[in-house]
Amino acid sequence: MMLHPATAHFAIVLPVIAVGVGIVYMITKKETLSKVSARMTLLAAIAMIAVWYTGNQAGPLVYKFLSPAGQHELLEHKEMGLYLAIAMALIAVLQIAGCRLKKFALEAVAIVLLIGAMLTTFAQGKDGGEIAYDYGHPFEMQQLKNYLSNSDDLDMAEDSDEVLELIKNKIDEISKTTPQKIQGK
């Protein structure tokens, strides 16, 4: 089971929350918000590291099923994920240091950097979605998998040529009902 899609959502949402709390802190300068912002940034960094790790586990499983363009996108996605994980960890350290030392300027720099990391995370999420839906064809594959595991026609086929013909026909049927964007056209 791949955990990457589930963990990715945390890595997208937690920086948004951390930025929101951080901006409110910068406006109000309340110490409680400084602490909450620093902790949320730390949670966002942990989520980003987790999503990079789960992506590293999932990547090799899907790589061979992607087109050459999809494989290239996946490698770029992996590299950017590593950079984001490192950046978020450094931003968290910077913000926690600013909070502990009560250095508003240090926290403000961390929050501004966090905004940049958050926006980059949005782009990374968009790229991940494109890899899955434009190159991975998950819906077509699921339809074919369901057909292969539940087909009485295949069980009744007399030889491998007949099985192959039934599978080809199902692929053609799926292709006709698949939106053009997913088909890569």
N, C-alpha and C. Protein backbone atom coordinates (compact mmCIF):
# COMPACT_ATOMS: atom_id res chain seq x y z
N MET A 1 0.84 -1.18 0.00
CA MET A 1 0.00 0.00 0.00
C MET A 1 0.88 1.25 0.00
N MET A 2 0.52 2.20 -0.83
CA MET A 2 1.30 3.42 -0.90
C MET A 2 0.72 4.48 0.03
N LEU A 3 1.55 4.99 0.91
CA LEU A 3 1.13 6.03 1.85
C LEU A 3 1.37 7.43 1.31
N HIS A 4 2.09 7.54 0.22
CA HIS A 4 2.45 8.86 -0.28
C HIS A 4 1.25 9.78 -0.55
N PRO A 5 0.22 9.32 -1.23
CA PRO A 5 -0.91 10.23 -1.48
C PRO A 5 -1.54 10.76 -0.20
N ALA A 6 -1.66 9.92 0.82
CA ALA A 6 -2.27 10.36 2.08
C ALA A 6 -1.37 11.35 2.83
N THR A 7 -0.08 11.06 2.89
CA THR A 7 0.83 11.96 3.62
C THR A 7 1.01 13.27 2.89
N ALA A 8 0.88 13.26 1.57
CA ALA A 8 1.08 14.49 0.80
C ALA A 8 0.08 15.57 1.21
N HIS A 9 -1.11 15.17 1.55
CA HIS A 9 -2.12 16.17 1.93
C HIS A 9 -1.73 16.91 3.21
N PHE A 10 -1.10 16.21 4.15
CA PHE A 10 -0.62 16.87 5.36
C PHE A 10 0.49 17.86 5.04
N ALA A 11 1.37 17.47 4.14
CA ALA A 11 2.49 18.34 3.77
C ALA A 11 2.02 19.58 3.03
N ILE A 12 0.83 19.54 2.47
CA ILE A 12 0.27 20.72 1.79
C ILE A 12 -0.48 21.60 2.79
N VAL A 13 -1.27 20.99 3.66
CA VAL A 13 -2.14 21.76 4.56
C VAL A 13 -1.39 22.36 5.74
N LEU A 14 -0.49 21.61 6.35
CA LEU A 14 0.18 22.11 7.56
C LEU A 14 0.99 23.40 7.32
N PRO A 15 1.71 23.56 6.20
CA PRO A 15 2.37 24.84 5.99
C PRO A 15 1.37 26.01 5.85
N VAL A 16 0.21 25.74 5.28
CA VAL A 16 -0.82 26.79 5.16
C VAL A 16 -1.25 27.25 6.55
N ILE A 17 -1.50 26.30 7.43
CA ILE A 17 -1.90 26.64 8.80
C ILE A 17 -0.77 27.38 9.50
N ALA A 18 0.46 26.89 9.34
CA ALA A 18 1.61 27.55 9.98
C ALA A 18 1.78 28.97 9.47
N VAL A 19 1.60 29.18 8.17
CA VAL A 19 1.68 30.54 7.62
C VAL A 19 0.58 31.43 8.20
N GLY A 20 -0.64 30.89 8.24
CA GLY A 20 -1.76 31.67 8.78
C GLY A 20 -1.50 32.12 10.21
N VAL A 21 -1.08 31.19 11.07
CA VAL A 21 -0.78 31.53 12.46
C VAL A 21 0.41 32.48 12.52
N GLY A 22 1.39 32.25 11.66
CA GLY A 22 2.58 33.12 11.64
C GLY A 22 2.24 34.55 11.26
N ILE A 23 1.36 34.72 10.29
CA ILE A 23 0.97 36.08 9.89
C ILE A 23 0.21 36.77 11.01
N VAL A 24 -0.69 36.04 11.66
CA VAL A 24 -1.43 36.62 12.80
C VAL A 24 -0.44 36.99 13.90
N TYR A 25 0.56 36.16 14.14
CA TYR A 25 1.58 36.48 15.13
C TYR A 25 2.34 37.75 14.76
N MET A 26 2.72 37.86 13.48
CA MET A 26 3.48 39.05 13.06
C MET A 26 2.66 40.32 13.25
N ILE A 27 1.36 40.23 13.12
CA ILE A 27 0.49 41.40 13.31
C ILE A 27 0.30 41.70 14.80
N THR A 28 0.02 40.68 15.60
CA THR A 28 -0.31 40.89 17.02
C THR A 28 0.90 40.84 17.95
N LYS A 29 1.93 40.13 17.54
CA LYS A 29 3.15 39.93 18.34
C LYS A 29 2.86 39.30 19.71
N LYS A 30 1.86 38.44 19.76
CA LYS A 30 1.54 37.74 21.00
C LYS A 30 2.44 36.52 21.14
N GLU A 31 3.02 36.36 22.33
CA GLU A 31 3.97 35.28 22.57
C GLU A 31 3.34 33.90 22.36
N THR A 32 2.10 33.74 22.74
CA THR A 32 1.42 32.46 22.55
C THR A 32 1.38 32.08 21.07
N LEU A 33 1.07 33.05 20.22
CA LEU A 33 1.02 32.79 18.78
C LEU A 33 2.41 32.49 18.22
N SER A 34 3.43 33.08 18.82
CA SER A 34 4.80 32.77 18.41
C SER A 34 5.08 31.29 18.63
N LYS A 35 4.69 30.79 19.79
CA LYS A 35 4.91 29.37 20.13
C LYS A 35 4.09 28.46 19.24
N VAL A 36 2.83 28.82 19.02
CA VAL A 36 1.96 27.99 18.18
C VAL A 36 2.50 27.96 16.75
N SER A 37 2.92 29.12 16.25
CA SER A 37 3.46 29.20 14.90
C SER A 37 4.72 28.34 14.74
N ALA A 38 5.60 28.42 15.72
CA ALA A 38 6.84 27.63 15.68
C ALA A 38 6.52 26.13 15.70
N ARG A 39 5.58 25.74 16.52
CA ARG A 39 5.22 24.31 16.61
C ARG A 39 4.53 23.84 15.33
N MET A 40 3.68 24.68 14.77
CA MET A 40 3.02 24.30 13.51
C MET A 40 4.05 24.17 12.39
N THR A 41 5.04 25.04 12.39
CA THR A 41 6.09 24.94 11.37
C THR A 41 6.89 23.66 11.55
N LEU A 42 7.13 23.29 12.80
CA LEU A 42 7.83 22.03 13.07
C LEU A 42 6.99 20.84 12.58
N LEU A 43 5.69 20.87 12.85
CA LEU A 43 4.81 19.80 12.35
C LEU A 43 4.81 19.76 10.83
N ALA A 44 4.80 20.93 10.21
CA ALA A 44 4.84 20.99 8.74
C ALA A 44 6.14 20.39 8.21
N ALA A 45 7.25 20.66 8.90
CA ALA A 45 8.54 20.09 8.49
C ALA A 45 8.54 18.58 8.63
N ILE A 46 7.99 18.09 9.72
CA ILE A 46 7.91 16.63 9.93
C ILE A 46 7.05 16.00 8.84
N ALA A 47 5.92 16.65 8.52
CA ALA A 47 5.05 16.14 7.45
C ALA A 47 5.77 16.13 6.11
N MET A 48 6.55 17.18 5.85
CA MET A 48 7.27 17.26 4.57
C MET A 48 8.33 16.16 4.48
N ILE A 49 9.00 15.89 5.58
CA ILE A 49 9.98 14.81 5.60
C ILE A 49 9.28 13.46 5.40
N ALA A 50 8.13 13.29 6.05
CA ALA A 50 7.37 12.04 5.91
C ALA A 50 6.89 11.85 4.47
N VAL A 51 6.44 12.91 3.85
CA VAL A 51 5.94 12.79 2.47
C VAL A 51 7.11 12.51 1.52
N TRP A 52 8.25 13.09 1.79
CA TRP A 52 9.42 12.77 0.96
C TRP A 52 9.78 11.29 1.13
N TYR A 53 9.78 10.81 2.37
CA TYR A 53 10.12 9.41 2.63
C TYR A 53 9.13 8.47 1.94
N THR A 54 7.84 8.72 2.10
CA THR A 54 6.84 7.84 1.49
C THR A 54 6.91 7.92 -0.04
N GLY A 55 7.24 9.08 -0.56
CA GLY A 55 7.43 9.21 -2.01
C GLY A 55 8.62 8.41 -2.49
N ASN A 56 9.67 8.40 -1.69
CA ASN A 56 10.86 7.60 -2.03
C ASN A 56 10.52 6.11 -2.07
N GLN A 57 9.60 5.69 -1.22
CA GLN A 57 9.17 4.29 -1.21
C GLN A 57 8.25 3.98 -2.39
N ALA A 58 7.38 4.93 -2.73
CA ALA A 58 6.39 4.71 -3.80
C ALA A 58 6.99 4.87 -5.19
N GLY A 59 7.93 5.77 -5.33
CA GLY A 59 8.50 6.08 -6.65
C GLY A 59 8.95 4.86 -7.45
N PRO A 60 9.80 4.01 -6.88
CA PRO A 60 10.25 2.84 -7.64
C PRO A 60 9.12 1.89 -8.03
N LEU A 61 8.03 1.88 -7.26
CA LEU A 61 6.91 0.99 -7.57
C LEU A 61 6.14 1.44 -8.81
N VAL A 62 6.10 2.77 -9.04
CA VAL A 62 5.32 3.27 -10.17
C VAL A 62 6.18 3.68 -11.37
N TYR A 63 7.47 3.85 -11.15
CA TYR A 63 8.36 4.36 -12.20
C TYR A 63 8.23 3.58 -13.51
N LYS A 64 8.28 2.27 -13.43
CA LYS A 64 8.27 1.45 -14.63
C LYS A 64 6.94 1.50 -15.39
N PHE A 65 5.88 1.96 -14.73
CA PHE A 65 4.58 2.04 -15.38
C PHE A 65 4.34 3.38 -16.07
N LEU A 66 5.29 4.30 -15.94
CA LEU A 66 5.14 5.63 -16.51
C LEU A 66 5.80 5.71 -17.88
N SER A 67 5.30 6.62 -18.69
CA SER A 67 5.94 6.89 -19.98
C SER A 67 7.29 7.54 -19.71
N PRO A 68 8.17 7.65 -20.70
CA PRO A 68 9.45 8.34 -20.49
C PRO A 68 9.27 9.76 -19.96
N ALA A 69 8.28 10.48 -20.48
CA ALA A 69 8.01 11.84 -19.98
C ALA A 69 7.57 11.79 -18.52
N GLY A 70 6.74 10.81 -18.17
CA GLY A 70 6.29 10.64 -16.80
C GLY A 70 7.44 10.27 -15.87
N GLN A 71 8.35 9.43 -16.35
CA GLN A 71 9.52 9.06 -15.55
C GLN A 71 10.39 10.29 -15.27
N HIS A 72 10.55 11.12 -16.29
CA HIS A 72 11.33 12.36 -16.11
C HIS A 72 10.66 13.26 -15.07
N GLU A 73 9.33 13.41 -15.18
CA GLU A 73 8.58 14.23 -14.22
C GLU A 73 8.72 13.67 -12.80
N LEU A 74 8.67 12.34 -12.68
CA LEU A 74 8.78 11.71 -11.37
C LEU A 74 10.14 12.00 -10.74
N LEU A 75 11.20 11.93 -11.53
CA LEU A 75 12.54 12.21 -10.99
C LEU A 75 12.67 13.67 -10.55
N GLU A 76 12.09 14.58 -11.33
CA GLU A 76 12.09 15.99 -10.93
C GLU A 76 11.28 16.19 -9.65
N HIS A 77 10.14 15.51 -9.56
CA HIS A 77 9.27 15.59 -8.39
C HIS A 77 10.01 15.09 -7.15
N LYS A 78 10.74 14.01 -7.30
CA LYS A 78 11.52 13.45 -6.19
C LYS A 78 12.58 14.44 -5.71
N GLU A 79 13.28 15.04 -6.66
CA GLU A 79 14.34 15.99 -6.32
C GLU A 79 13.76 17.21 -5.60
N MET A 80 12.66 17.76 -6.13
CA MET A 80 12.06 18.92 -5.49
C MET A 80 11.53 18.55 -4.10
N GLY A 81 11.03 17.33 -3.94
CA GLY A 81 10.56 16.88 -2.63
C GLY A 81 11.68 16.88 -1.60
N LEU A 82 12.85 16.45 -2.02
CA LEU A 82 14.01 16.46 -1.11
C LEU A 82 14.36 17.90 -0.72
N TYR A 83 14.39 18.80 -1.71
CA TYR A 83 14.70 20.20 -1.41
C TYR A 83 13.68 20.81 -0.47
N LEU A 84 12.40 20.48 -0.67
CA LEU A 84 11.36 21.01 0.21
C LEU A 84 11.50 20.46 1.63
N ALA A 85 11.82 19.19 1.76
CA ALA A 85 11.99 18.60 3.09
C ALA A 85 13.14 19.28 3.83
N ILE A 86 14.24 19.50 3.13
CA ILE A 86 15.40 20.17 3.76
C ILE A 86 15.04 21.61 4.11
N ALA A 87 14.41 22.31 3.18
CA ALA A 87 14.05 23.71 3.42
C ALA A 87 13.09 23.85 4.60
N MET A 88 12.09 22.99 4.66
CA MET A 88 11.13 23.08 5.77
C MET A 88 11.80 22.79 7.10
N ALA A 89 12.73 21.86 7.13
CA ALA A 89 13.45 21.56 8.37
C ALA A 89 14.27 22.78 8.80
N LEU A 90 14.95 23.41 7.86
CA LEU A 90 15.75 24.59 8.19
C LEU A 90 14.87 25.77 8.63
N ILE A 91 13.73 25.94 7.97
CA ILE A 91 12.80 27.01 8.34
C ILE A 91 12.27 26.77 9.76
N ALA A 92 11.96 25.51 10.08
CA ALA A 92 11.47 25.18 11.42
C ALA A 92 12.54 25.50 12.48
N VAL A 93 13.78 25.13 12.20
CA VAL A 93 14.87 25.42 13.14
C VAL A 93 15.00 26.93 13.33
N LEU A 94 14.95 27.66 12.23
CA LEU A 94 15.05 29.12 12.29
C LEU A 94 13.91 29.73 13.10
N GLN A 95 12.69 29.27 12.86
CA GLN A 95 11.55 29.84 13.57
C GLN A 95 11.55 29.45 15.04
N ILE A 96 11.93 28.22 15.35
CA ILE A 96 12.00 27.80 16.76
C ILE A 96 13.08 28.60 17.49
N ALA A 97 14.21 28.81 16.82
CA ALA A 97 15.28 29.62 17.43
C ALA A 97 14.79 31.04 17.69
N GLY A 98 14.09 31.63 16.73
CA GLY A 98 13.55 32.98 16.92
C GLY A 98 12.56 33.03 18.07
N CYS A 99 11.74 32.01 18.18
CA CYS A 99 10.75 31.94 19.27
C CYS A 99 11.44 31.81 20.62
N ARG A 100 12.40 30.90 20.70
CA ARG A 100 13.10 30.67 21.99
C ARG A 100 13.94 31.88 22.41
N LEU A 101 14.58 32.51 21.42
CA LEU A 101 15.43 33.67 21.73
C LEU A 101 14.65 34.98 21.79
N LYS A 102 13.35 34.89 21.48
CA LYS A 102 12.48 36.07 21.44
C LYS A 102 13.01 37.14 20.48
N LYS A 103 13.38 36.67 19.28
CA LYS A 103 13.89 37.54 18.21
C LYS A 103 12.84 37.62 17.11
N PHE A 104 12.05 38.68 17.15
CA PHE A 104 10.95 38.85 16.20
C PHE A 104 11.46 38.84 14.76
N ALA A 105 12.57 39.50 14.51
CA ALA A 105 13.11 39.59 13.14
C ALA A 105 13.44 38.19 12.60
N LEU A 106 13.99 37.35 13.43
CA LEU A 106 14.32 35.99 13.03
C LEU A 106 13.05 35.18 12.70
N GLU A 107 12.04 35.37 13.53
CA GLU A 107 10.76 34.70 13.27
C GLU A 107 10.11 35.23 11.99
N ALA A 108 10.20 36.52 11.78
CA ALA A 108 9.61 37.13 10.58
C ALA A 108 10.29 36.59 9.31
N VAL A 109 11.61 36.47 9.35
CA VAL A 109 12.34 35.90 8.21
C VAL A 109 11.88 34.46 7.98
N ALA A 110 11.74 33.69 9.05
CA ALA A 110 11.29 32.30 8.92
C ALA A 110 9.89 32.24 8.33
N ILE A 111 9.01 33.12 8.72
CA ILE A 111 7.63 33.11 8.21
C ILE A 111 7.61 33.49 6.74
N VAL A 112 8.42 34.45 6.35
CA VAL A 112 8.51 34.82 4.93
C VAL A 112 9.05 33.64 4.11
N LEU A 113 10.08 32.98 4.62
CA LEU A 113 10.60 31.79 3.94
C LEU A 113 9.55 30.67 3.89
N LEU A 114 8.78 30.57 4.96
CA LEU A 114 7.72 29.58 5.01
C LEU A 114 6.67 29.84 3.94
N ILE A 115 6.36 31.09 3.69
CA ILE A 115 5.41 31.43 2.62
C ILE A 115 5.96 30.94 1.28
N GLY A 116 7.24 31.16 1.03
CA GLY A 116 7.86 30.68 -0.21
C GLY A 116 7.82 29.17 -0.31
N ALA A 117 8.10 28.49 0.79
CA ALA A 117 8.06 27.02 0.81
C ALA A 117 6.63 26.52 0.59
N MET A 118 5.66 27.22 1.18
CA MET A 118 4.27 26.84 1.00
C MET A 118 3.86 26.94 -0.47
N LEU A 119 4.22 28.03 -1.11
CA LEU A 119 3.88 28.21 -2.53
C LEU A 119 4.57 27.16 -3.40
N THR A 120 5.80 26.84 -3.07
CA THR A 120 6.52 25.80 -3.80
C THR A 120 5.86 24.44 -3.57
N THR A 121 5.35 24.22 -2.38
CA THR A 121 4.64 22.98 -2.07
C THR A 121 3.38 22.85 -2.92
N PHE A 122 2.68 23.97 -3.14
CA PHE A 122 1.50 23.94 -4.01
C PHE A 122 1.90 23.48 -5.42
N ALA A 123 2.99 24.03 -5.94
CA ALA A 123 3.47 23.64 -7.27
C ALA A 123 3.87 22.16 -7.27
N GLN A 124 4.50 21.72 -6.20
CA GLN A 124 4.90 20.32 -6.08
C GLN A 124 3.68 19.40 -6.06
N GLY A 125 2.64 19.81 -5.35
CA GLY A 125 1.41 19.02 -5.32
C GLY A 125 0.75 18.93 -6.69
N LYS A 126 0.77 20.05 -7.42
CA LYS A 126 0.22 20.06 -8.78
C LYS A 126 1.01 19.08 -9.65
N ASP A 127 2.33 19.11 -9.55
CA ASP A 127 3.16 18.20 -10.33
C ASP A 127 2.89 16.74 -9.96
N GLY A 128 2.73 16.46 -8.68
CA GLY A 128 2.42 15.10 -8.25
C GLY A 128 1.10 14.62 -8.81
N GLY A 129 0.11 15.49 -8.82
CA GLY A 129 -1.18 15.14 -9.40
C GLY A 129 -1.07 14.86 -10.89
N GLU A 130 -0.27 15.65 -11.58
CA GLU A 130 -0.08 15.43 -13.02
C GLU A 130 0.61 14.09 -13.27
N ILE A 131 1.57 13.74 -12.43
CA ILE A 131 2.24 12.44 -12.60
C ILE A 131 1.22 11.32 -12.45
N ALA A 132 0.39 11.42 -11.43
CA ALA A 132 -0.59 10.35 -11.20
C ALA A 132 -1.67 10.31 -12.27
N TYR A 133 -2.23 11.45 -12.62
CA TYR A 133 -3.42 11.44 -13.47
C TYR A 133 -3.12 11.62 -14.95
N ASP A 134 -2.04 12.30 -15.30
CA ASP A 134 -1.72 12.47 -16.72
C ASP A 134 -0.82 11.36 -17.24
N TYR A 135 0.04 10.82 -16.36
CA TYR A 135 0.98 9.80 -16.80
C TYR A 135 0.67 8.41 -16.23
N GLY A 136 -0.01 8.35 -15.09
CA GLY A 136 -0.22 7.07 -14.43
C GLY A 136 -1.48 6.34 -14.82
N HIS A 137 -2.47 7.04 -15.32
CA HIS A 137 -3.73 6.44 -15.76
C HIS A 137 -4.35 5.52 -14.70
N PRO A 138 -4.53 5.99 -13.46
CA PRO A 138 -5.01 5.08 -12.41
C PRO A 138 -6.41 4.56 -12.65
N PHE A 139 -7.27 5.34 -13.28
CA PHE A 139 -8.66 4.89 -13.45
C PHE A 139 -8.73 3.79 -14.52
N GLU A 140 -7.98 3.98 -15.59
CA GLU A 140 -7.95 2.93 -16.62
C GLU A 140 -7.41 1.64 -16.05
N MET A 141 -6.34 1.75 -15.29
CA MET A 141 -5.72 0.55 -14.74
C MET A 141 -6.67 -0.15 -13.75
N GLN A 142 -7.41 0.61 -12.96
CA GLN A 142 -8.33 0.01 -12.02
C GLN A 142 -9.47 -0.69 -12.74
N GLN A 143 -9.97 -0.08 -13.81
CA GLN A 143 -11.03 -0.72 -14.59
C GLN A 143 -10.54 -2.03 -15.18
N LEU A 144 -9.33 -2.02 -15.73
CA LEU A 144 -8.78 -3.24 -16.31
C LEU A 144 -8.54 -4.30 -15.24
N LYS A 145 -8.02 -3.88 -14.10
CA LYS A 145 -7.78 -4.82 -13.00
C LYS A 145 -9.09 -5.46 -12.55
N ASN A 146 -10.14 -4.64 -12.41
CA ASN A 146 -11.44 -5.18 -12.01
C ASN A 146 -11.95 -6.19 -13.04
N TYR A 147 -11.78 -5.86 -14.30
CA TYR A 147 -12.23 -6.76 -15.36
C TYR A 147 -11.47 -8.09 -15.30
N LEU A 148 -10.17 -7.99 -15.13
CA LEU A 148 -9.35 -9.20 -15.12
C LEU A 148 -9.67 -10.10 -13.93
N SER A 149 -10.01 -9.49 -12.80
CA SER A 149 -10.26 -10.31 -11.61
C SER A 149 -11.71 -10.78 -11.50
N ASN A 150 -12.62 -10.18 -12.26
CA ASN A 150 -14.04 -10.53 -12.11
C ASN A 150 -14.71 -11.00 -13.39
N SER A 151 -13.98 -11.32 -14.39
CA SER A 151 -14.58 -11.62 -15.69
C SER A 151 -14.89 -13.10 -15.87
N ASP A 152 -16.18 -13.37 -16.06
CA ASP A 152 -16.58 -14.74 -16.41
C ASP A 152 -16.13 -15.08 -17.83
N ASP A 153 -16.08 -14.05 -18.71
CA ASP A 153 -15.66 -14.27 -20.09
C ASP A 153 -14.25 -14.86 -20.14
N LEU A 154 -13.37 -14.33 -19.29
CA LEU A 154 -11.98 -14.84 -19.29
C LEU A 154 -11.93 -16.28 -18.79
N ASP A 155 -12.76 -16.59 -17.79
CA ASP A 155 -12.78 -17.96 -17.26
C ASP A 155 -13.26 -18.96 -18.31
N MET A 156 -14.16 -18.50 -19.18
CA MET A 156 -14.74 -19.41 -20.19
C MET A 156 -13.93 -19.45 -21.48
N ALA A 157 -12.92 -18.60 -21.60
CA ALA A 157 -12.10 -18.60 -22.81
C ALA A 157 -11.38 -19.93 -22.96
N GLU A 158 -11.28 -20.35 -24.22
CA GLU A 158 -10.73 -21.68 -24.47
C GLU A 158 -9.21 -21.70 -24.64
N ASP A 159 -8.63 -20.58 -25.08
CA ASP A 159 -7.18 -20.57 -25.26
C ASP A 159 -6.64 -19.16 -25.01
N SER A 160 -5.32 -19.05 -24.99
CA SER A 160 -4.67 -17.78 -24.67
C SER A 160 -4.96 -16.71 -25.72
N ASP A 161 -5.15 -17.11 -26.96
CA ASP A 161 -5.48 -16.13 -28.00
C ASP A 161 -6.84 -15.49 -27.72
N GLU A 162 -7.79 -16.30 -27.28
CA GLU A 162 -9.12 -15.77 -26.96
C GLU A 162 -9.05 -14.85 -25.74
N VAL A 163 -8.26 -15.20 -24.73
CA VAL A 163 -8.06 -14.36 -23.55
C VAL A 163 -7.45 -13.03 -23.97
N LEU A 164 -6.41 -13.09 -24.79
CA LEU A 164 -5.75 -11.87 -25.26
C LEU A 164 -6.72 -10.99 -26.03
N GLU A 165 -7.55 -11.57 -26.85
CA GLU A 165 -8.54 -10.81 -27.62
C GLU A 165 -9.55 -10.13 -26.69
N LEU A 166 -10.00 -10.84 -25.67
CA LEU A 166 -10.94 -10.25 -24.70
C LEU A 166 -10.30 -9.07 -23.97
N ILE A 167 -9.05 -9.22 -23.59
CA ILE A 167 -8.33 -8.13 -22.89
C ILE A 167 -8.15 -6.93 -23.81
N LYS A 168 -7.75 -7.17 -25.05
CA LYS A 168 -7.60 -6.07 -26.01
C LYS A 168 -8.92 -5.34 -26.20
N ASN A 169 -10.01 -6.08 -26.31
CA ASN A 169 -11.32 -5.46 -26.47
C ASN A 169 -11.69 -4.60 -25.26
N LYS A 170 -11.37 -5.09 -24.07
CA LYS A 170 -11.66 -4.32 -22.86
C LYS A 170 -10.82 -3.04 -22.82
N ILE A 171 -9.57 -3.13 -23.22
CA ILE A 171 -8.71 -1.94 -23.27
C ILE A 171 -9.28 -0.93 -24.25
N ASP A 172 -9.71 -1.38 -25.40
CA ASP A 172 -10.32 -0.47 -26.38
C ASP A 172 -11.57 0.18 -25.80
N GLU A 173 -12.39 -0.60 -25.12
CA GLU A 173 -13.62 -0.08 -24.51
C GLU A 173 -13.30 0.99 -23.46
N ILE A 174 -12.31 0.71 -22.62
CA ILE A 174 -11.91 1.67 -21.59
C ILE A 174 -11.37 2.94 -22.25
N SER A 175 -10.56 2.79 -23.29
CA SER A 175 -9.97 3.95 -23.98
C SER A 175 -11.03 4.86 -24.57
N LYS A 176 -12.12 4.29 -25.03
CA LYS A 176 -13.20 5.10 -25.62
C LYS A 176 -13.95 5.91 -24.57
N THR A 177 -13.95 5.46 -23.32
CA THR A 177 -14.68 6.16 -22.27
C THR A 177 -13.78 7.03 -21.40
N THR A 178 -12.48 7.03 -21.68
CA THR A 178 -11.54 7.79 -20.89
C THR A 178 -11.40 9.19 -21.45
N PRO A 179 -11.45 10.22 -20.58
CA PRO A 179 -11.27 11.59 -21.07
C PRO A 179 -9.96 11.76 -21.84
N GLN A 180 -9.99 12.62 -22.83
CA GLN A 180 -8.83 12.83 -23.71
C GLN A 180 -7.57 13.23 -22.93
N LYS A 181 -7.71 14.06 -21.90
CA LYS A 181 -6.53 14.51 -21.17
C LYS A 181 -5.80 13.32 -20.54
N ILE A 182 -6.54 12.38 -19.98
CA ILE A 182 -5.91 11.22 -19.35
C ILE A 182 -5.25 10.35 -20.41
N GLN A 183 -5.84 10.28 -21.58
CA GLN A 183 -5.25 9.48 -22.64
C GLN A 183 -3.97 10.12 -23.18
N GLY A 184 -3.69 11.36 -22.78
CA GLY A 184 -2.47 12.04 -23.23
C GLY A 184 -2.62 12.67 -24.59
N LYS A 185 -3.85 12.95 -25.01
CA LYS A 185 -4.08 13.55 -26.33
C LYS A 185 -4.50 14.99 -26.20
